[in-house]
Amino acid sequence: MARILIADDDPGYLAAFCDGMQALGHSTHGELNGEAALQAFDNGEFDIVFLDVFMKGGGAVVLLHDVRKRNSDIPVVIITGKTEMVGSPLFESGLRLAQAKMRKTASLTELGQLVNRLTGSRS
């Protein structure tokens, strides 16, 4: 079981993502903005972090660096619902500190496999 922090400003997606990961046996904590996500990160223990590229108050570009300053080893996955982002220089090179990048349309199975691979968890 992995402890997962998910930061995404889409409440419906965030709830579905959290519910899906919990159904796979993981513990989740979701936040709707970057500031709250960093506060949760500072106050909790997580095995992996998912960050949305675009969020009000700063998305993955800023948050990725803030997370890395706090913990250089934790796996970070960038997620996006903007199909035009996938393959862009920002997505491919600008976010290179992330271990993986996923579309929000990834299946629960794909997301669960990624969590297991990056954390060594078995659900």
PDB file of N, CA and C in Angstrom:
ATOM      1  N   MET A   1       0.838  -1.183   0.000  1.00  0.00           N
ATOM      2  CA  MET A   1       0.000   0.000   0.000  1.00  0.00           C
ATOM      3  C   MET A   1       0.882   1.245   0.000  1.00  0.00           C
ATOM      4  N   ALA A   2       0.614   2.158  -0.916  1.00  0.00           N
ATOM      5  CA  ALA A   2       1.349   3.413  -0.994  1.00  0.00           C
ATOM      6  C   ALA A   2       0.514   4.545  -0.405  1.00  0.00           C
ATOM      7  N   ARG A   3       1.206   5.513   0.134  1.00  0.00           N
ATOM      8  CA  ARG A   3       0.573   6.747   0.614  1.00  0.00           C
ATOM      9  C   ARG A   3       0.762   7.782  -0.490  1.00  0.00           C
ATOM     10  N   ILE A   4      -0.362   8.223  -1.062  1.00  0.00           N
ATOM     11  CA  ILE A   4      -0.331   9.046  -2.266  1.00  0.00           C
ATOM     12  C   ILE A   4      -0.886  10.437  -1.994  1.00  0.00           C
ATOM     13  N   LEU A   5      -0.138  11.458  -2.417  1.00  0.00           N
ATOM     14  CA  LEU A   5      -0.611  12.836  -2.392  1.00  0.00           C
ATOM     15  C   LEU A   5      -0.956  13.214  -3.827  1.00  0.00           C
ATOM     16  N   ILE A   6      -2.175  13.716  -4.025  1.00  0.00           N
ATOM     17  CA  ILE A   6      -2.643  14.105  -5.351  1.00  0.00           C
ATOM     18  C   ILE A   6      -3.062  15.571  -5.300  1.00  0.00           C
ATOM     19  N   ALA A   7      -2.483  16.386  -6.175  1.00  0.00           N
ATOM     20  CA  ALA A   7      -2.848  17.798  -6.267  1.00  0.00           C
ATOM     21  C   ALA A   7      -3.464  18.053  -7.638  1.00  0.00           C
ATOM     22  N   ASP A   8      -4.750  18.407  -7.644  1.00  0.00           N
ATOM     23  CA  ASP A   8      -5.464  18.683  -8.886  1.00  0.00           C
ATOM     24  C   ASP A   8      -6.623  19.608  -8.576  1.00  0.00           C
ATOM     25  N   ASP A   9      -6.811  20.650  -9.388  1.00  0.00           N
ATOM     26  CA  ASP A   9      -7.862  21.631  -9.102  1.00  0.00           C
ATOM     27  C   ASP A   9      -9.223  21.268  -9.684  1.00  0.00           C
ATOM     28  N   ASP A  10      -9.345  20.106 -10.275  1.00  0.00           N
ATOM     29  CA  ASP A  10     -10.636  19.623 -10.774  1.00  0.00           C
ATOM     30  C   ASP A  10     -11.218  18.699  -9.698  1.00  0.00           C
ATOM     31  N   PRO A  11     -12.229  19.173  -8.942  1.00  0.00           N
ATOM     32  CA  PRO A  11     -12.746  18.386  -7.820  1.00  0.00           C
ATOM     33  C   PRO A  11     -13.283  17.018  -8.230  1.00  0.00           C
ATOM     34  N   GLY A  12     -13.919  16.923  -9.378  1.00  0.00           N
ATOM     35  CA  GLY A  12     -14.448  15.639  -9.830  1.00  0.00           C
ATOM     36  C   GLY A  12     -13.351  14.644 -10.139  1.00  0.00           C
ATOM     37  N   TYR A  13     -12.328  15.101 -10.861  1.00  0.00           N
ATOM     38  CA  TYR A  13     -11.209  14.226 -11.187  1.00  0.00           C
ATOM     39  C   TYR A  13     -10.465  13.813  -9.922  1.00  0.00           C
ATOM     40  N   LEU A  14     -10.237  14.782  -9.037  1.00  0.00           N
ATOM     41  CA  LEU A  14      -9.518  14.501  -7.792  1.00  0.00           C
ATOM     42  C   LEU A  14     -10.246  13.439  -6.970  1.00  0.00           C
ATOM     43  N   ALA A  15     -11.556  13.583  -6.837  1.00  0.00           N
ATOM     44  CA  ALA A  15     -12.340  12.603  -6.071  1.00  0.00           C
ATOM     45  C   ALA A  15     -12.283  11.229  -6.725  1.00  0.00           C
ATOM     46  N   ALA A  16     -12.419  11.181  -8.044  1.00  0.00           N
ATOM     47  CA  ALA A  16     -12.371   9.893  -8.749  1.00  0.00           C
ATOM     48  C   ALA A  16     -10.997   9.248  -8.628  1.00  0.00           C
ATOM     49  N   PHE A  17      -9.944  10.045  -8.751  1.00  0.00           N
ATOM     50  CA  PHE A  17      -8.569   9.538  -8.640  1.00  0.00           C
ATOM     51  C   PHE A  17      -8.348   8.974  -7.232  1.00  0.00           C
ATOM     52  N   CYS A  18      -8.726   9.740  -6.217  1.00  0.00           N
ATOM     53  CA  CYS A  18      -8.571   9.276  -4.831  1.00  0.00           C
ATOM     54  C   CYS A  18      -9.363   7.995  -4.594  1.00  0.00           C
ATOM     55  N   ASP A  19     -10.620   7.978  -5.031  1.00  0.00           N
ATOM     56  CA  ASP A  19     -11.460   6.784  -4.852  1.00  0.00           C
ATOM     57  C   ASP A  19     -10.853   5.572  -5.560  1.00  0.00           C
ATOM     58  N   GLY A  20     -10.359   5.777  -6.769  1.00  0.00           N
ATOM     59  CA  GLY A  20      -9.761   4.683  -7.527  1.00  0.00           C
ATOM     60  C   GLY A  20      -8.527   4.117  -6.856  1.00  0.00           C
ATOM     61  N   MET A  21      -7.656   4.979  -6.386  1.00  0.00           N
ATOM     62  CA  MET A  21      -6.434   4.512  -5.716  1.00  0.00           C
ATOM     63  C   MET A  21      -6.779   3.801  -4.403  1.00  0.00           C
ATOM     64  N   GLN A  22      -7.784   4.303  -3.688  1.00  0.00           N
ATOM     65  CA  GLN A  22      -8.212   3.641  -2.456  1.00  0.00           C
ATOM     66  C   GLN A  22      -8.793   2.265  -2.751  1.00  0.00           C
ATOM     67  N   ALA A  23      -9.524   2.143  -3.856  1.00  0.00           N
ATOM     68  CA  ALA A  23     -10.079   0.847  -4.253  1.00  0.00           C
ATOM     69  C   ALA A  23      -8.967  -0.157  -4.541  1.00  0.00           C
ATOM     70  N   LEU A  24      -7.808   0.350  -4.950  1.00  0.00           N
ATOM     71  CA  LEU A  24      -6.652  -0.524  -5.202  1.00  0.00           C
ATOM     72  C   LEU A  24      -5.850  -0.807  -3.932  1.00  0.00           C
ATOM     73  N   GLY A  25      -6.286  -0.224  -2.808  1.00  0.00           N
ATOM     74  CA  GLY A  25      -5.640  -0.499  -1.536  1.00  0.00           C
ATOM     75  C   GLY A  25      -4.661   0.552  -1.062  1.00  0.00           C
ATOM     76  N   HIS A  26      -4.583   1.665  -1.768  1.00  0.00           N
ATOM     77  CA  HIS A  26      -3.653   2.727  -1.387  1.00  0.00           C
ATOM     78  C   HIS A  26      -4.343   3.747  -0.498  1.00  0.00           C
ATOM     79  N   SER A  27      -3.548   4.500   0.231  1.00  0.00           N
ATOM     80  CA  SER A  27      -4.030   5.603   1.056  1.00  0.00           C
ATOM     81  C   SER A  27      -3.824   6.888   0.259  1.00  0.00           C
ATOM     82  N   THR A  28      -4.842   7.735   0.192  1.00  0.00           N
ATOM     83  CA  THR A  28      -4.719   8.957  -0.601  1.00  0.00           C
ATOM     84  C   THR A  28      -5.043  10.196   0.205  1.00  0.00           C
ATOM     85  N   HIS A  29      -4.425  11.285  -0.215  1.00  0.00           N
ATOM     86  CA  HIS A  29      -4.736  12.602   0.311  1.00  0.00           C
ATOM     87  C   HIS A  29      -4.788  13.526  -0.889  1.00  0.00           C
ATOM     88  N   GLY A  30      -5.908  14.175  -1.110  1.00  0.00           N
ATOM     89  CA  GLY A  30      -6.076  15.059  -2.258  1.00  0.00           C
ATOM     90  C   GLY A  30      -6.184  16.505  -1.852  1.00  0.00           C
ATOM     91  N   GLU A  31      -5.609  17.366  -2.671  1.00  0.00           N
ATOM     92  CA  GLU A  31      -5.687  18.812  -2.457  1.00  0.00           C
ATOM     93  C   GLU A  31      -6.034  19.490  -3.765  1.00  0.00           C
ATOM     94  N   LEU A  32      -6.790  20.579  -3.680  1.00  0.00           N
ATOM     95  CA  LEU A  32      -7.277  21.288  -4.856  1.00  0.00           C
ATOM     96  C   LEU A  32      -6.360  22.418  -5.331  1.00  0.00           C
ATOM     97  N   ASN A  33      -5.291  22.698  -4.593  1.00  0.00           N
ATOM     98  CA  ASN A  33      -4.359  23.735  -5.035  1.00  0.00           C
ATOM     99  C   ASN A  33      -2.956  23.434  -4.529  1.00  0.00           C
ATOM    100  N   GLY A  34      -2.000  24.096  -5.135  1.00  0.00           N
ATOM    101  CA  GLY A  34      -0.604  23.835  -4.824  1.00  0.00           C
ATOM    102  C   GLY A  34      -0.205  24.188  -3.410  1.00  0.00           C
ATOM    103  N   GLU A  35      -0.694  25.307  -2.914  1.00  0.00           N
ATOM    104  CA  GLU A  35      -0.344  25.728  -1.557  1.00  0.00           C
ATOM    105  C   GLU A  35      -0.787  24.685  -0.532  1.00  0.00           C
ATOM    106  N   ALA A  36      -2.010  24.216  -0.660  1.00  0.00           N
ATOM    107  CA  ALA A  36      -2.518  23.187   0.261  1.00  0.00           C
ATOM    108  C   ALA A  36      -1.753  21.880   0.089  1.00  0.00           C
ATOM    109  N   ALA A  37      -1.378  21.559  -1.141  1.00  0.00           N
ATOM    110  CA  ALA A  37      -0.614  20.329  -1.383  1.00  0.00           C
ATOM    111  C   ALA A  37       0.747  20.391  -0.705  1.00  0.00           C
ATOM    112  N   LEU A  38       1.422  21.522  -0.797  1.00  0.00           N
ATOM    113  CA  LEU A  38       2.729  21.650  -0.136  1.00  0.00           C
ATOM    114  C   LEU A  38       2.599  21.587   1.373  1.00  0.00           C
ATOM    115  N   GLN A  39       1.534  22.181   1.906  1.00  0.00           N
ATOM    116  CA  GLN A  39       1.315  22.107   3.352  1.00  0.00           C
ATOM    117  C   GLN A  39       1.071  20.653   3.767  1.00  0.00           C
ATOM    118  N   ALA A  40       0.266  19.932   2.998  1.00  0.00           N
ATOM    119  CA  ALA A  40       0.025  18.517   3.291  1.00  0.00           C
ATOM    120  C   ALA A  40       1.317  17.726   3.186  1.00  0.00           C
ATOM    121  N   PHE A  41       2.122  18.037   2.179  1.00  0.00           N
ATOM    122  CA  PHE A  41       3.399  17.346   1.991  1.00  0.00           C
ATOM    123  C   PHE A  41       4.305  17.563   3.201  1.00  0.00           C
ATOM    124  N   ASP A  42       4.343  18.796   3.684  1.00  0.00           N
ATOM    125  CA  ASP A  42       5.185  19.122   4.840  1.00  0.00           C
ATOM    126  C   ASP A  42       4.688  18.455   6.116  1.00  0.00           C
ATOM    127  N   ASN A  43       3.381  18.221   6.216  1.00  0.00           N
ATOM    128  CA  ASN A  43       2.794  17.692   7.449  1.00  0.00           C
ATOM    129  C   ASN A  43       2.523  16.191   7.412  1.00  0.00           C
ATOM    130  N   GLY A  44       2.737  15.561   6.291  1.00  0.00           N
ATOM    131  CA  GLY A  44       2.404  14.144   6.176  1.00  0.00           C
ATOM    132  C   GLY A  44       3.575  13.329   5.670  1.00  0.00           C
ATOM    133  N   GLU A  45       3.324  12.044   5.548  1.00  0.00           N
ATOM    134  CA  GLU A  45       4.314  11.129   4.987  1.00  0.00           C
ATOM    135  C   GLU A  45       3.700  10.492   3.758  1.00  0.00           C
ATOM    136  N   PHE A  46       4.355  10.683   2.627  1.00  0.00           N
ATOM    137  CA  PHE A  46       3.851  10.170   1.367  1.00  0.00           C
ATOM    138  C   PHE A  46       4.937   9.379   0.656  1.00  0.00           C
ATOM    139  N   ASP A  47       4.490   8.426  -0.151  1.00  0.00           N
ATOM    140  CA  ASP A  47       5.412   7.602  -0.932  1.00  0.00           C
ATOM    141  C   ASP A  47       5.523   8.073  -2.367  1.00  0.00           C
ATOM    142  N   ILE A  48       4.522   8.824  -2.834  1.00  0.00           N
ATOM    143  CA  ILE A  48       4.477   9.296  -4.216  1.00  0.00           C
ATOM    144  C   ILE A  48       3.561  10.504  -4.293  1.00  0.00           C
ATOM    145  N   VAL A  49       3.857  11.403  -5.239  1.00  0.00           N
ATOM    146  CA  VAL A  49       3.079  12.628  -5.412  1.00  0.00           C
ATOM    147  C   VAL A  49       2.651  12.742  -6.870  1.00  0.00           C
ATOM    148  N   PHE A  50       1.381  13.068  -7.088  1.00  0.00           N
ATOM    149  CA  PHE A  50       0.846  13.363  -8.415  1.00  0.00           C
ATOM    150  C   PHE A  50       0.519  14.854  -8.455  1.00  0.00           C
ATOM    151  N   LEU A  51       0.991  15.549  -9.494  1.00  0.00           N
ATOM    152  CA  LEU A  51       0.769  16.980  -9.636  1.00  0.00           C
ATOM    153  C   LEU A  51       0.155  17.288 -10.991  1.00  0.00           C
ATOM    154  N   ASP A  52      -0.924  18.054 -10.975  1.00  0.00           N
ATOM    155  CA  ASP A  52      -1.539  18.528 -12.212  1.00  0.00           C
ATOM    156  C   ASP A  52      -0.658  19.634 -12.792  1.00  0.00           C
ATOM    157  N   VAL A  53      -0.528  19.662 -14.114  1.00  0.00           N
ATOM    158  CA  VAL A  53       0.303  20.673 -14.758  1.00  0.00           C
ATOM    159  C   VAL A  53      -0.224  22.073 -14.486  1.00  0.00           C
ATOM    160  N   PHE A  54      -1.525  22.273 -14.674  1.00  0.00           N
ATOM    161  CA  PHE A  54      -2.111  23.602 -14.521  1.00  0.00           C
ATOM    162  C   PHE A  54      -3.096  23.620 -13.372  1.00  0.00           C
ATOM    163  N   MET A  55      -2.813  24.472 -12.388  1.00  0.00           N
ATOM    164  CA  MET A  55      -3.735  24.683 -11.269  1.00  0.00           C
ATOM    165  C   MET A  55      -3.709  26.157 -10.907  1.00  0.00           C
ATOM    166  N   LYS A  56      -4.813  26.639 -10.375  1.00  0.00           N
ATOM    167  CA  LYS A  56      -4.849  28.006  -9.874  1.00  0.00           C
ATOM    168  C   LYS A  56      -3.803  28.143  -8.774  1.00  0.00           C
ATOM    169  N   GLY A  57      -3.059  29.225  -8.809  1.00  0.00           N
ATOM    170  CA  GLY A  57      -2.041  29.448  -7.797  1.00  0.00           C
ATOM    171  C   GLY A  57      -0.752  28.700  -8.056  1.00  0.00           C
ATOM    172  N   GLY A  58      -0.611  28.095  -9.213  1.00  0.00           N
ATOM    173  CA  GLY A  58       0.634  27.402  -9.555  1.00  0.00           C
ATOM    174  C   GLY A  58       0.428  25.912  -9.698  1.00  0.00           C
ATOM    175  N   GLY A  59       0.938  25.390 -10.754  1.00  0.00           N
ATOM    176  CA  GLY A  59       0.804  23.963 -11.031  1.00  0.00           C
ATOM    177  C   GLY A  59       2.133  23.249 -10.899  1.00  0.00           C
ATOM    178  N   ALA A  60       2.278  22.208 -11.673  1.00  0.00           N
ATOM    179  CA  ALA A  60       3.410  21.306 -11.546  1.00  0.00           C
ATOM    180  C   ALA A  60       4.757  21.963 -11.775  1.00  0.00           C
ATOM    181  N   VAL A  61       4.828  22.953 -12.636  1.00  0.00           N
ATOM    182  CA  VAL A  61       6.123  23.578 -12.919  1.00  0.00           C
ATOM    183  C   VAL A  61       6.738  24.127 -11.632  1.00  0.00           C
ATOM    184  N   VAL A  62       5.948  24.846 -10.862  1.00  0.00           N
ATOM    185  CA  VAL A  62       6.423  25.409  -9.594  1.00  0.00           C
ATOM    186  C   VAL A  62       6.478  24.330  -8.519  1.00  0.00           C
ATOM    187  N   LEU A  63       5.406  23.570  -8.411  1.00  0.00           N
ATOM    188  CA  LEU A  63       5.316  22.581  -7.328  1.00  0.00           C
ATOM    189  C   LEU A  63       6.385  21.508  -7.416  1.00  0.00           C
ATOM    190  N   LEU A  64       6.724  21.090  -8.609  1.00  0.00           N
ATOM    191  CA  LEU A  64       7.746  20.055  -8.769  1.00  0.00           C
ATOM    192  C   LEU A  64       9.057  20.492  -8.120  1.00  0.00           C
ATOM    193  N   HIS A  65       9.447  21.727  -8.343  1.00  0.00           N
ATOM    194  CA  HIS A  65      10.678  22.241  -7.741  1.00  0.00           C
ATOM    195  C   HIS A  65      10.551  22.370  -6.225  1.00  0.00           C
ATOM    196  N   ASP A  66       9.385  22.788  -5.751  1.00  0.00           N
ATOM    197  CA  ASP A  66       9.169  22.893  -4.306  1.00  0.00           C
ATOM    198  C   ASP A  66       9.219  21.523  -3.631  1.00  0.00           C
ATOM    199  N   VAL A  67       8.621  20.523  -4.251  1.00  0.00           N
ATOM    200  CA  VAL A  67       8.665  19.164  -3.701  1.00  0.00           C
ATOM    201  C   VAL A  67      10.102  18.661  -3.699  1.00  0.00           C
ATOM    202  N   ARG A  68      10.837  18.886  -4.783  1.00  0.00           N
ATOM    203  CA  ARG A  68      12.227  18.433  -4.880  1.00  0.00           C
ATOM    204  C   ARG A  68      13.112  19.079  -3.822  1.00  0.00           C
ATOM    205  N   LYS A  69      12.852  20.361  -3.489  1.00  0.00           N
ATOM    206  CA  LYS A  69      13.624  21.027  -2.437  1.00  0.00           C
ATOM    207  C   LYS A  69      13.404  20.350  -1.095  1.00  0.00           C
ATOM    208  N   ARG A  70      12.194  19.822  -0.896  1.00  0.00           N
ATOM    209  CA  ARG A  70      11.843  19.196   0.370  1.00  0.00           C
ATOM    210  C   ARG A  70      12.273  17.735   0.430  1.00  0.00           C
ATOM    211  N   ASN A  71      12.216  17.058  -0.713  1.00  0.00           N
ATOM    212  CA  ASN A  71      12.552  15.627  -0.756  1.00  0.00           C
ATOM    213  C   ASN A  71      12.980  15.294  -2.184  1.00  0.00           C
ATOM    214  N   SER A  72      14.256  15.080  -2.366  1.00  0.00           N
ATOM    215  CA  SER A  72      14.772  14.856  -3.719  1.00  0.00           C
ATOM    216  C   SER A  72      14.537  13.432  -4.217  1.00  0.00           C
ATOM    217  N   ASP A  73      14.102  12.544  -3.346  1.00  0.00           N
ATOM    218  CA  ASP A  73      13.964  11.132  -3.722  1.00  0.00           C
ATOM    219  C   ASP A  73      12.538  10.662  -3.988  1.00  0.00           C
ATOM    220  N   ILE A  74      11.545  11.388  -3.514  1.00  0.00           N
ATOM    221  CA  ILE A  74      10.166  10.912  -3.658  1.00  0.00           C
ATOM    222  C   ILE A  74       9.748  10.909  -5.129  1.00  0.00           C
ATOM    223  N   PRO A  75       9.115   9.842  -5.586  1.00  0.00           N
ATOM    224  CA  PRO A  75       8.626   9.829  -6.964  1.00  0.00           C
ATOM    225  C   PRO A  75       7.526  10.869  -7.157  1.00  0.00           C
ATOM    226  N   VAL A  76       7.630  11.621  -8.256  1.00  0.00           N
ATOM    227  CA  VAL A  76       6.635  12.620  -8.618  1.00  0.00           C
ATOM    228  C   VAL A  76       6.146  12.301 -10.027  1.00  0.00           C
ATOM    229  N   VAL A  77       4.828  12.300 -10.177  1.00  0.00           N
ATOM    230  CA  VAL A  77       4.203  12.043 -11.475  1.00  0.00           C
ATOM    231  C   VAL A  77       3.414  13.282 -11.864  1.00  0.00           C
ATOM    232  N   ILE A  78       3.628  13.741 -13.079  1.00  0.00           N
ATOM    233  CA  ILE A  78       2.906  14.893 -13.610  1.00  0.00           C
ATOM    234  C   ILE A  78       1.702  14.371 -14.384  1.00  0.00           C
ATOM    235  N   ILE A  79       0.534  14.975 -14.135  1.00  0.00           N
ATOM    236  CA  ILE A  79      -0.684  14.572 -14.840  1.00  0.00           C
ATOM    237  C   ILE A  79      -1.258  15.782 -15.572  1.00  0.00           C
ATOM    238  N   THR A  80      -1.881  15.523 -16.702  1.00  0.00           N
ATOM    239  CA  THR A  80      -2.512  16.620 -17.441  1.00  0.00           C
ATOM    240  C   THR A  80      -3.728  16.136 -18.202  1.00  0.00           C
ATOM    241  N   GLY A  81      -4.703  17.000 -18.264  1.00  0.00           N
ATOM    242  CA  GLY A  81      -5.880  16.745 -19.080  1.00  0.00           C
ATOM    243  C   GLY A  81      -5.810  17.519 -20.389  1.00  0.00           C
ATOM    244  N   LYS A  82      -4.772  18.297 -20.554  1.00  0.00           N
ATOM    245  CA  LYS A  82      -4.580  19.104 -21.768  1.00  0.00           C
ATOM    246  C   LYS A  82      -3.803  18.278 -22.782  1.00  0.00           C
ATOM    247  N   THR A  83      -4.509  17.725 -23.756  1.00  0.00           N
ATOM    248  CA  THR A  83      -3.856  16.859 -24.739  1.00  0.00           C
ATOM    249  C   THR A  83      -2.770  17.582 -25.517  1.00  0.00           C
ATOM    250  N   GLU A  84      -2.926  18.886 -25.697  1.00  0.00           N
ATOM    251  CA  GLU A  84      -1.913  19.641 -26.428  1.00  0.00           C
ATOM    252  C   GLU A  84      -0.589  19.745 -25.670  1.00  0.00           C
ATOM    253  N   MET A  85      -0.615  19.478 -24.369  1.00  0.00           N
ATOM    254  CA  MET A  85       0.602  19.515 -23.557  1.00  0.00           C
ATOM    255  C   MET A  85       1.491  18.302 -23.805  1.00  0.00           C
ATOM    256  N   VAL A  86       0.879  17.159 -24.016  1.00  0.00           N
ATOM    257  CA  VAL A  86       1.628  15.918 -24.179  1.00  0.00           C
ATOM    258  C   VAL A  86       2.515  16.049 -25.413  1.00  0.00           C
ATOM    259  N   GLY A  87       3.786  15.821 -25.227  1.00  0.00           N
ATOM    260  CA  GLY A  87       4.735  15.938 -26.314  1.00  0.00           C
ATOM    261  C   GLY A  87       5.327  17.330 -26.470  1.00  0.00           C
ATOM    262  N   SER A  88       4.807  18.318 -25.736  1.00  0.00           N
ATOM    263  CA  SER A  88       5.332  19.680 -25.835  1.00  0.00           C
ATOM    264  C   SER A  88       6.695  19.768 -25.134  1.00  0.00           C
ATOM    265  N   PRO A  89       7.511  20.764 -25.482  1.00  0.00           N
ATOM    266  CA  PRO A  89       8.798  20.933 -24.800  1.00  0.00           C
ATOM    267  C   PRO A  89       8.649  21.097 -23.286  1.00  0.00           C
ATOM    268  N   LEU A  90       7.616  21.816 -22.839  1.00  0.00           N
ATOM    269  CA  LEU A  90       7.402  21.967 -21.397  1.00  0.00           C
ATOM    270  C   LEU A  90       7.153  20.617 -20.745  1.00  0.00           C
ATOM    271  N   PHE A  91       6.274  19.836 -21.324  1.00  0.00           N
ATOM    272  CA  PHE A  91       5.906  18.546 -20.752  1.00  0.00           C
ATOM    273  C   PHE A  91       7.091  17.574 -20.789  1.00  0.00           C
ATOM    274  N   GLU A  92       7.827  17.575 -21.877  1.00  0.00           N
ATOM    275  CA  GLU A  92       8.918  16.619 -22.046  1.00  0.00           C
ATOM    276  C   GLU A  92      10.208  17.042 -21.350  1.00  0.00           C
ATOM    277  N   SER A  93      10.593  18.301 -21.493  1.00  0.00           N
ATOM    278  CA  SER A  93      11.879  18.741 -20.953  1.00  0.00           C
ATOM    279  C   SER A  93      11.761  19.606 -19.704  1.00  0.00           C
ATOM    280  N   GLY A  94      10.772  20.486 -19.676  1.00  0.00           N
ATOM    281  CA  GLY A  94      10.631  21.406 -18.553  1.00  0.00           C
ATOM    282  C   GLY A  94      10.276  20.719 -17.252  1.00  0.00           C
ATOM    283  N   LEU A  95       9.675  19.541 -17.353  1.00  0.00           N
ATOM    284  CA  LEU A  95       9.267  18.801 -16.158  1.00  0.00           C
ATOM    285  C   LEU A  95      10.101  17.529 -15.992  1.00  0.00           C
ATOM    286  N   ARG A  96      11.364  17.609 -16.370  1.00  0.00           N
ATOM    287  CA  ARG A  96      12.223  16.416 -16.372  1.00  0.00           C
ATOM    288  C   ARG A  96      12.567  15.892 -14.974  1.00  0.00           C
ATOM    289  N   LEU A  97      12.297  16.677 -13.944  1.00  0.00           N
ATOM    290  CA  LEU A  97      12.558  16.205 -12.581  1.00  0.00           C
ATOM    291  C   LEU A  97      11.520  15.184 -12.112  1.00  0.00           C
ATOM    292  N   ALA A  98      10.482  15.005 -12.897  1.00  0.00           N
ATOM    293  CA  ALA A  98       9.432  14.029 -12.553  1.00  0.00           C
ATOM    294  C   ALA A  98       9.834  12.646 -13.057  1.00  0.00           C
ATOM    295  N   GLN A  99       9.419  11.623 -12.327  1.00  0.00           N
ATOM    296  CA  GLN A  99       9.707  10.252 -12.731  1.00  0.00           C
ATOM    297  C   GLN A  99       8.809   9.781 -13.865  1.00  0.00           C
ATOM    298  N   ALA A 100       7.623  10.377 -13.973  1.00  0.00           N
ATOM    299  CA  ALA A 100       6.692   9.964 -15.025  1.00  0.00           C
ATOM    300  C   ALA A 100       5.731  11.101 -15.328  1.00  0.00           C
ATOM    301  N   LYS A 101       5.135  11.007 -16.499  1.00  0.00           N
ATOM    302  CA  LYS A 101       4.118  11.965 -16.929  1.00  0.00           C
ATOM    303  C   LYS A 101       2.976  11.163 -17.523  1.00  0.00           C
ATOM    304  N   MET A 102       1.748  11.511 -17.124  1.00  0.00           N
ATOM    305  CA  MET A 102       0.570  10.752 -17.556  1.00  0.00           C
ATOM    306  C   MET A 102      -0.536  11.691 -18.003  1.00  0.00           C
ATOM    307  N   ARG A 103      -1.353  11.201 -18.908  1.00  0.00           N
ATOM    308  CA  ARG A 103      -2.588  11.895 -19.263  1.00  0.00           C
ATOM    309  C   ARG A 103      -3.639  11.557 -18.215  1.00  0.00           C
ATOM    310  N   LYS A 104      -4.563  12.465 -18.004  1.00  0.00           N
ATOM    311  CA  LYS A 104      -5.647  12.193 -17.061  1.00  0.00           C
ATOM    312  C   LYS A 104      -6.575  11.097 -17.574  1.00  0.00           C
ATOM    313  N   THR A 105      -6.475  10.781 -18.845  1.00  0.00           N
ATOM    314  CA  THR A 105      -7.299   9.717 -19.409  1.00  0.00           C
ATOM    315  C   THR A 105      -6.697   8.329 -19.178  1.00  0.00           C
ATOM    316  N   ALA A 106      -5.548   8.257 -18.495  1.00  0.00           N
ATOM    317  CA  ALA A 106      -4.952   6.950 -18.190  1.00  0.00           C
ATOM    318  C   ALA A 106      -5.941   6.131 -17.370  1.00  0.00           C
ATOM    319  N   SER A 107      -5.952   4.849 -17.602  1.00  0.00           N
ATOM    320  CA  SER A 107      -6.879   3.976 -16.872  1.00  0.00           C
ATOM    321  C   SER A 107      -6.419   3.789 -15.435  1.00  0.00           C
ATOM    322  N   LEU A 108      -7.341   3.367 -14.601  1.00  0.00           N
ATOM    323  CA  LEU A 108      -7.018   3.074 -13.213  1.00  0.00           C
ATOM    324  C   LEU A 108      -5.951   1.982 -13.141  1.00  0.00           C
ATOM    325  N   THR A 109      -6.037   1.009 -14.016  1.00  0.00           N
ATOM    326  CA  THR A 109      -5.031  -0.059 -14.056  1.00  0.00           C
ATOM    327  C   THR A 109      -3.653   0.518 -14.345  1.00  0.00           C
ATOM    328  N   GLU A 110      -3.572   1.405 -15.345  1.00  0.00           N
ATOM    329  CA  GLU A 110      -2.279   2.017 -15.683  1.00  0.00           C
ATOM    330  C   GLU A 110      -1.731   2.839 -14.518  1.00  0.00           C
ATOM    331  N   LEU A 111      -2.599   3.614 -13.887  1.00  0.00           N
ATOM    332  CA  LEU A 111      -2.167   4.427 -12.757  1.00  0.00           C
ATOM    333  C   LEU A 111      -1.717   3.553 -11.591  1.00  0.00           C
ATOM    334  N   GLY A 112      -2.459   2.486 -11.319  1.00  0.00           N
ATOM    335  CA  GLY A 112      -2.093   1.571 -10.239  1.00  0.00           C
ATOM    336  C   GLY A 112      -0.765   0.888 -10.510  1.00  0.00           C
ATOM    337  N   GLN A 113      -0.536   0.471 -11.736  1.00  0.00           N
ATOM    338  CA  GLN A 113       0.736  -0.155 -12.099  1.00  0.00           C
ATOM    339  C   GLN A 113       1.891   0.817 -11.940  1.00  0.00           C
ATOM    340  N   LEU A 114       1.664   2.070 -12.322  1.00  0.00           N
ATOM    341  CA  LEU A 114       2.696   3.089 -12.168  1.00  0.00           C
ATOM    342  C   LEU A 114       3.030   3.312 -10.703  1.00  0.00           C
ATOM    343  N   VAL A 115       2.010   3.436  -9.862  1.00  0.00           N
ATOM    344  CA  VAL A 115       2.246   3.611  -8.427  1.00  0.00           C
ATOM    345  C   VAL A 115       3.047   2.432  -7.886  1.00  0.00           C
ATOM    346  N   ASN A 116       2.650   1.228  -8.233  1.00  0.00           N
ATOM    347  CA  ASN A 116       3.353   0.045  -7.745  1.00  0.00           C
ATOM    348  C   ASN A 116       4.807   0.030  -8.216  1.00  0.00           C
ATOM    349  N   ARG A 117       5.015   0.382  -9.474  1.00  0.00           N
ATOM    350  CA  ARG A 117       6.377   0.369 -10.024  1.00  0.00           C
ATOM    351  C   ARG A 117       7.261   1.407  -9.345  1.00  0.00           C
ATOM    352  N   LEU A 118       6.738   2.611  -9.156  1.00  0.00           N
ATOM    353  CA  LEU A 118       7.560   3.691  -8.599  1.00  0.00           C
ATOM    354  C   LEU A 118       7.755   3.610  -7.089  1.00  0.00           C
ATOM    355  N   THR A 119       6.855   2.919  -6.409  1.00  0.00           N
ATOM    356  CA  THR A 119       6.963   2.841  -4.945  1.00  0.00           C
ATOM    357  C   THR A 119       7.345   1.468  -4.432  1.00  0.00           C
ATOM    358  N   GLY A 120       7.289   0.477  -5.303  1.00  0.00           N
ATOM    359  CA  GLY A 120       7.556  -0.891  -4.853  1.00  0.00           C
ATOM    360  C   GLY A 120       6.397  -1.483  -4.095  1.00  0.00           C
ATOM    361  N   SER A 121       5.215  -0.862  -4.193  1.00  0.00           N
ATOM    362  CA  SER A 121       4.012  -1.339  -3.491  1.00  0.00           C
ATOM    363  C   SER A 121       3.371  -2.480  -4.244  1.00  0.00           C
ATOM    364  N   ARG A 122       2.621  -3.254  -3.547  1.00  0.00           N
ATOM    365  CA  ARG A 122       1.777  -4.303  -4.135  1.00  0.00           C
ATOM    366  C   ARG A 122       0.383  -4.096  -3.596  1.00  0.00           C
ATOM    367  N   SER A 123      -0.573  -3.873  -4.488  1.00  0.00           N
ATOM    368  CA  SER A 123      -1.956  -3.710  -4.022  1.00  0.00           C
ATOM    369  C   SER A 123      -2.733  -4.963  -4.286  1.00  0.00           C
TER     370      SER A 123
END
